[in-house]
């Protein structure tokens, strides 16, 4: 029997992403966001939910663009730092030693050292409550050559993205492959 835990943000894990923007003065800024995910395949879109109090919230509204940089497990320190200080008061790139890169497609920067980047044009803004969901159309995905598999796509084992468990405030790695999508359930499909 399952125990009721109430209405909470208790999904066991959320992706750790770093959202890049330029502020009103044109200064590159990043913030860590774990409220997000792919939300449409055509057009390809990703959604990130941010509180209005964040420096990045106003920047996305003003610039109509953002990037999503995906850090690797060995960059957990920098990703965590990006989520605990405000870009209003701090140059996060200078402190972290990481490098902002100006996107050629959208008016936003991304983190050079992070292995995968999504460049997004703001497609839709949804006011939810405490958070605003920014849905960005993905104009391009950039990936370091070193994290690509033989098929030319990012290999999770090489990217080493990690997850955040919000209720316990802990980061977790992915572990290994446990199955293939659209394959593991075929035997059960044959039974139906």
Protein backbone atom coordinates (compact mmCIF):
# COMPACT_ATOMS: atom_id res chain seq x y z
CA UNK A 1 0.00 0.00 0.00
CA UNK A 2 1.29 3.43 -0.90
CA UNK A 3 1.50 6.25 1.66
CA UNK A 4 0.18 9.70 0.70
CA UNK A 5 2.92 12.35 0.88
CA UNK A 6 0.76 15.32 -0.11
CA UNK A 7 0.96 17.81 -2.98
CA UNK A 8 4.70 18.51 -3.25
CA UNK A 9 7.49 18.75 -5.80
CA UNK A 10 8.48 15.18 -5.03
CA UNK A 11 9.30 13.86 -8.47
CA UNK A 12 12.37 11.86 -7.50
CA UNK A 13 14.73 13.61 -9.90
CA UNK A 14 14.99 16.66 -12.16
CA UNK A 15 17.63 17.52 -14.78
CA UNK A 16 20.37 19.96 -13.82
CA UNK A 17 20.56 22.62 -16.49
CA UNK A 18 22.26 25.99 -16.64
CA UNK A 19 20.17 28.71 -18.30
CA UNK A 20 22.13 31.46 -20.05
CA UNK A 21 20.95 35.04 -20.64
CA UNK A 22 22.20 38.58 -21.14
CA UNK A 23 20.97 41.11 -18.61
CA UNK A 24 19.81 44.67 -19.39
CA UNK A 25 23.45 45.85 -19.43
CA UNK A 26 24.50 43.09 -21.83
CA UNK A 27 26.40 41.17 -19.12
CA UNK A 28 26.36 37.38 -19.62
CA UNK A 29 24.67 35.53 -16.80
CA UNK A 30 23.75 31.94 -15.98
CA UNK A 31 21.55 30.26 -13.41
CA UNK A 32 20.95 26.66 -12.53
CA UNK A 33 17.42 25.44 -13.11
CA UNK A 34 16.01 21.99 -12.47
CA UNK A 35 12.37 22.67 -13.24
CA UNK A 36 12.47 21.81 -16.91
CA UNK A 37 12.22 19.32 -19.70
CA UNK A 38 11.59 18.71 -23.38
CA UNK A 39 7.98 19.71 -24.04
CA UNK A 40 7.43 19.39 -27.81
CA UNK A 41 9.05 17.55 -30.70
CA UNK A 42 7.72 19.65 -33.60
CA UNK A 43 8.80 22.34 -33.30
CA UNK A 44 11.50 21.08 -30.96
CA UNK A 45 10.94 22.90 -27.67
CA UNK A 46 12.23 22.86 -24.13
CA UNK A 47 10.57 24.39 -21.08
CA UNK A 48 12.28 25.91 -18.05
CA UNK A 49 10.40 27.32 -15.08
CA UNK A 50 11.92 30.25 -13.18
CA UNK A 51 10.73 32.44 -10.32
CA UNK A 52 10.10 36.10 -11.17
CA UNK A 53 12.59 37.08 -8.47
CA UNK A 54 15.52 35.70 -10.47
CA UNK A 55 17.78 37.92 -12.54
CA UNK A 56 17.36 35.54 -15.50
CA UNK A 57 13.55 35.81 -15.51
CA UNK A 58 13.59 39.48 -16.56
CA UNK A 59 16.42 38.82 -19.03
CA UNK A 60 14.50 36.11 -20.89
CA UNK A 61 11.43 38.33 -21.12
CA UNK A 62 13.48 41.29 -22.39
CA UNK A 63 15.71 39.40 -24.86
CA UNK A 64 13.29 36.72 -26.03
CA UNK A 65 15.99 34.07 -25.87
CA UNK A 66 17.94 31.76 -23.61
CA UNK A 67 20.34 28.85 -23.79
CA UNK A 68 20.45 25.62 -21.83
CA UNK A 69 23.94 24.32 -21.05
CA UNK A 70 24.15 20.76 -19.73
CA UNK A 71 26.97 20.29 -17.23
CA UNK A 72 28.83 17.01 -16.63
CA UNK A 73 29.16 15.30 -13.26
CA UNK A 74 32.64 16.78 -12.80
CA UNK A 75 31.10 20.27 -13.07
CA UNK A 76 28.65 19.86 -10.17
CA UNK A 77 30.48 22.49 -8.09
CA UNK A 78 30.06 25.17 -10.75
CA UNK A 79 26.47 24.19 -11.51
CA UNK A 80 25.56 24.33 -7.83
CA UNK A 81 27.29 27.71 -7.46
CA UNK A 82 25.32 29.12 -10.41
CA UNK A 83 22.13 28.34 -8.50
CA UNK A 84 23.05 29.83 -5.12
CA UNK A 85 24.21 33.34 -6.05
CA UNK A 86 22.47 36.05 -8.05
CA UNK A 87 23.80 37.49 -11.28
CA UNK A 88 22.54 40.88 -10.06
CA UNK A 89 25.44 41.05 -7.61
CA UNK A 90 28.05 38.67 -8.98
CA UNK A 91 29.83 37.91 -12.23
CA UNK A 92 29.38 34.14 -12.08
CA UNK A 93 31.66 33.51 -15.05
CA UNK A 94 34.53 35.44 -13.47
CA UNK A 95 34.21 33.67 -10.12
CA UNK A 96 33.81 30.17 -11.61
CA UNK A 97 36.55 30.59 -14.21
CA UNK A 98 34.20 29.34 -16.93
CA UNK A 99 33.80 31.07 -20.28
CA UNK A 100 30.67 32.63 -21.78
CA UNK A 101 30.19 32.16 -25.52
CA UNK A 102 27.84 34.39 -27.50
CA UNK A 103 25.33 32.32 -29.43
CA UNK A 104 25.30 33.04 -33.15
CA UNK A 105 21.59 32.16 -33.32
CA UNK A 106 19.95 33.73 -30.27
CA UNK A 107 20.59 36.72 -28.00
CA UNK A 108 22.01 34.67 -25.13
CA UNK A 109 25.33 33.18 -23.97
CA UNK A 110 26.19 29.59 -23.15
CA UNK A 111 28.93 27.94 -21.07
CA UNK A 112 31.87 26.93 -23.27
CA UNK A 113 33.10 24.15 -20.98
CA UNK A 114 29.73 22.36 -20.65
CA UNK A 115 29.46 19.52 -23.20
CA UNK A 116 25.94 20.09 -24.59
CA UNK A 117 24.08 23.33 -25.34
CA UNK A 118 20.58 24.13 -26.60
CA UNK A 119 20.07 27.54 -28.23
CA UNK A 120 16.48 28.66 -27.78
CA UNK A 121 14.24 31.44 -29.06
CA UNK A 122 11.40 32.24 -26.65
CA UNK A 123 8.26 30.63 -28.08
CA UNK A 124 5.74 30.95 -25.26
CA UNK A 125 5.54 32.22 -21.70
CA UNK A 126 3.14 30.59 -19.24
CA UNK A 127 2.46 32.13 -15.82
CA UNK A 128 1.87 29.19 -13.50
CA UNK A 129 2.02 30.59 -9.97
CA UNK A 130 5.32 31.08 -8.17
CA UNK A 131 7.09 30.13 -11.41
CA UNK A 132 6.89 31.26 -15.02
CA UNK A 133 7.47 28.58 -17.60
CA UNK A 134 9.52 29.79 -20.53
CA UNK A 135 9.09 27.54 -23.54
CA UNK A 136 11.93 27.94 -25.99
CA UNK A 137 12.07 26.68 -29.53
CA UNK A 138 15.37 24.85 -29.93
CA UNK A 139 17.13 26.38 -32.93
CA UNK A 140 20.28 24.31 -32.53
CA UNK A 141 21.95 21.77 -30.29
CA UNK A 142 25.72 22.02 -29.99
CA UNK A 143 27.84 19.23 -28.51
CA UNK A 144 31.53 18.73 -27.93
CA UNK A 145 33.01 16.15 -30.31
CA UNK A 146 34.32 14.21 -27.31
CA UNK A 147 30.79 13.36 -26.10
CA UNK A 148 29.39 12.14 -29.42
CA UNK A 149 28.65 8.47 -30.04
CA UNK A 150 29.28 6.67 -33.35
CA UNK A 151 25.83 7.79 -34.58
CA UNK A 152 26.84 11.44 -34.13
CA UNK A 153 24.49 12.05 -31.18
CA UNK A 154 25.46 12.86 -27.57
CA UNK A 155 26.23 9.70 -25.60
CA UNK A 156 24.91 10.02 -22.01
CA UNK A 157 27.83 7.91 -20.76
CA UNK A 158 30.21 10.52 -22.18
CA UNK A 159 28.16 13.63 -21.36
CA UNK A 160 27.61 12.44 -17.78
CA UNK A 161 24.64 14.71 -17.05
CA UNK A 162 23.31 14.58 -13.52
CA UNK A 163 20.03 14.94 -11.72
CA UNK A 164 18.77 16.90 -8.75
CA UNK A 165 16.49 15.51 -6.03
CA UNK A 166 14.66 18.64 -4.85
CA UNK A 167 13.15 17.44 -1.60
CA UNK A 168 16.45 16.07 -0.26
CA UNK A 169 18.68 18.63 -2.05
CA UNK A 170 21.06 16.07 -3.51
CA UNK A 171 22.68 15.52 -6.90
CA UNK A 172 22.83 12.07 -8.48
CA UNK A 173 24.58 10.62 -11.51
CA UNK A 174 22.70 8.60 -14.11
CA UNK A 175 24.27 5.19 -13.74
CA UNK A 176 24.40 2.83 -16.71
CA UNK A 177 21.97 1.91 -19.46
CA UNK A 178 19.16 -0.35 -18.23
CA UNK A 179 17.31 -0.86 -21.51
CA UNK A 180 16.45 0.53 -24.94
CA UNK A 181 13.44 2.71 -25.62
CA UNK A 182 10.69 1.29 -27.84
CA UNK A 183 12.32 -2.13 -27.47
CA UNK A 184 12.03 -3.40 -23.90
CA UNK A 185 8.22 -3.50 -23.96
CA UNK A 186 7.89 -5.37 -27.28
CA UNK A 187 7.25 -8.74 -25.65
CA UNK A 188 4.37 -7.28 -23.64
CA UNK A 189 3.04 -5.57 -26.78
CA UNK A 190 2.95 -8.95 -28.53
CA UNK A 191 0.72 -10.24 -25.72
CA UNK A 192 -1.84 -7.46 -26.23
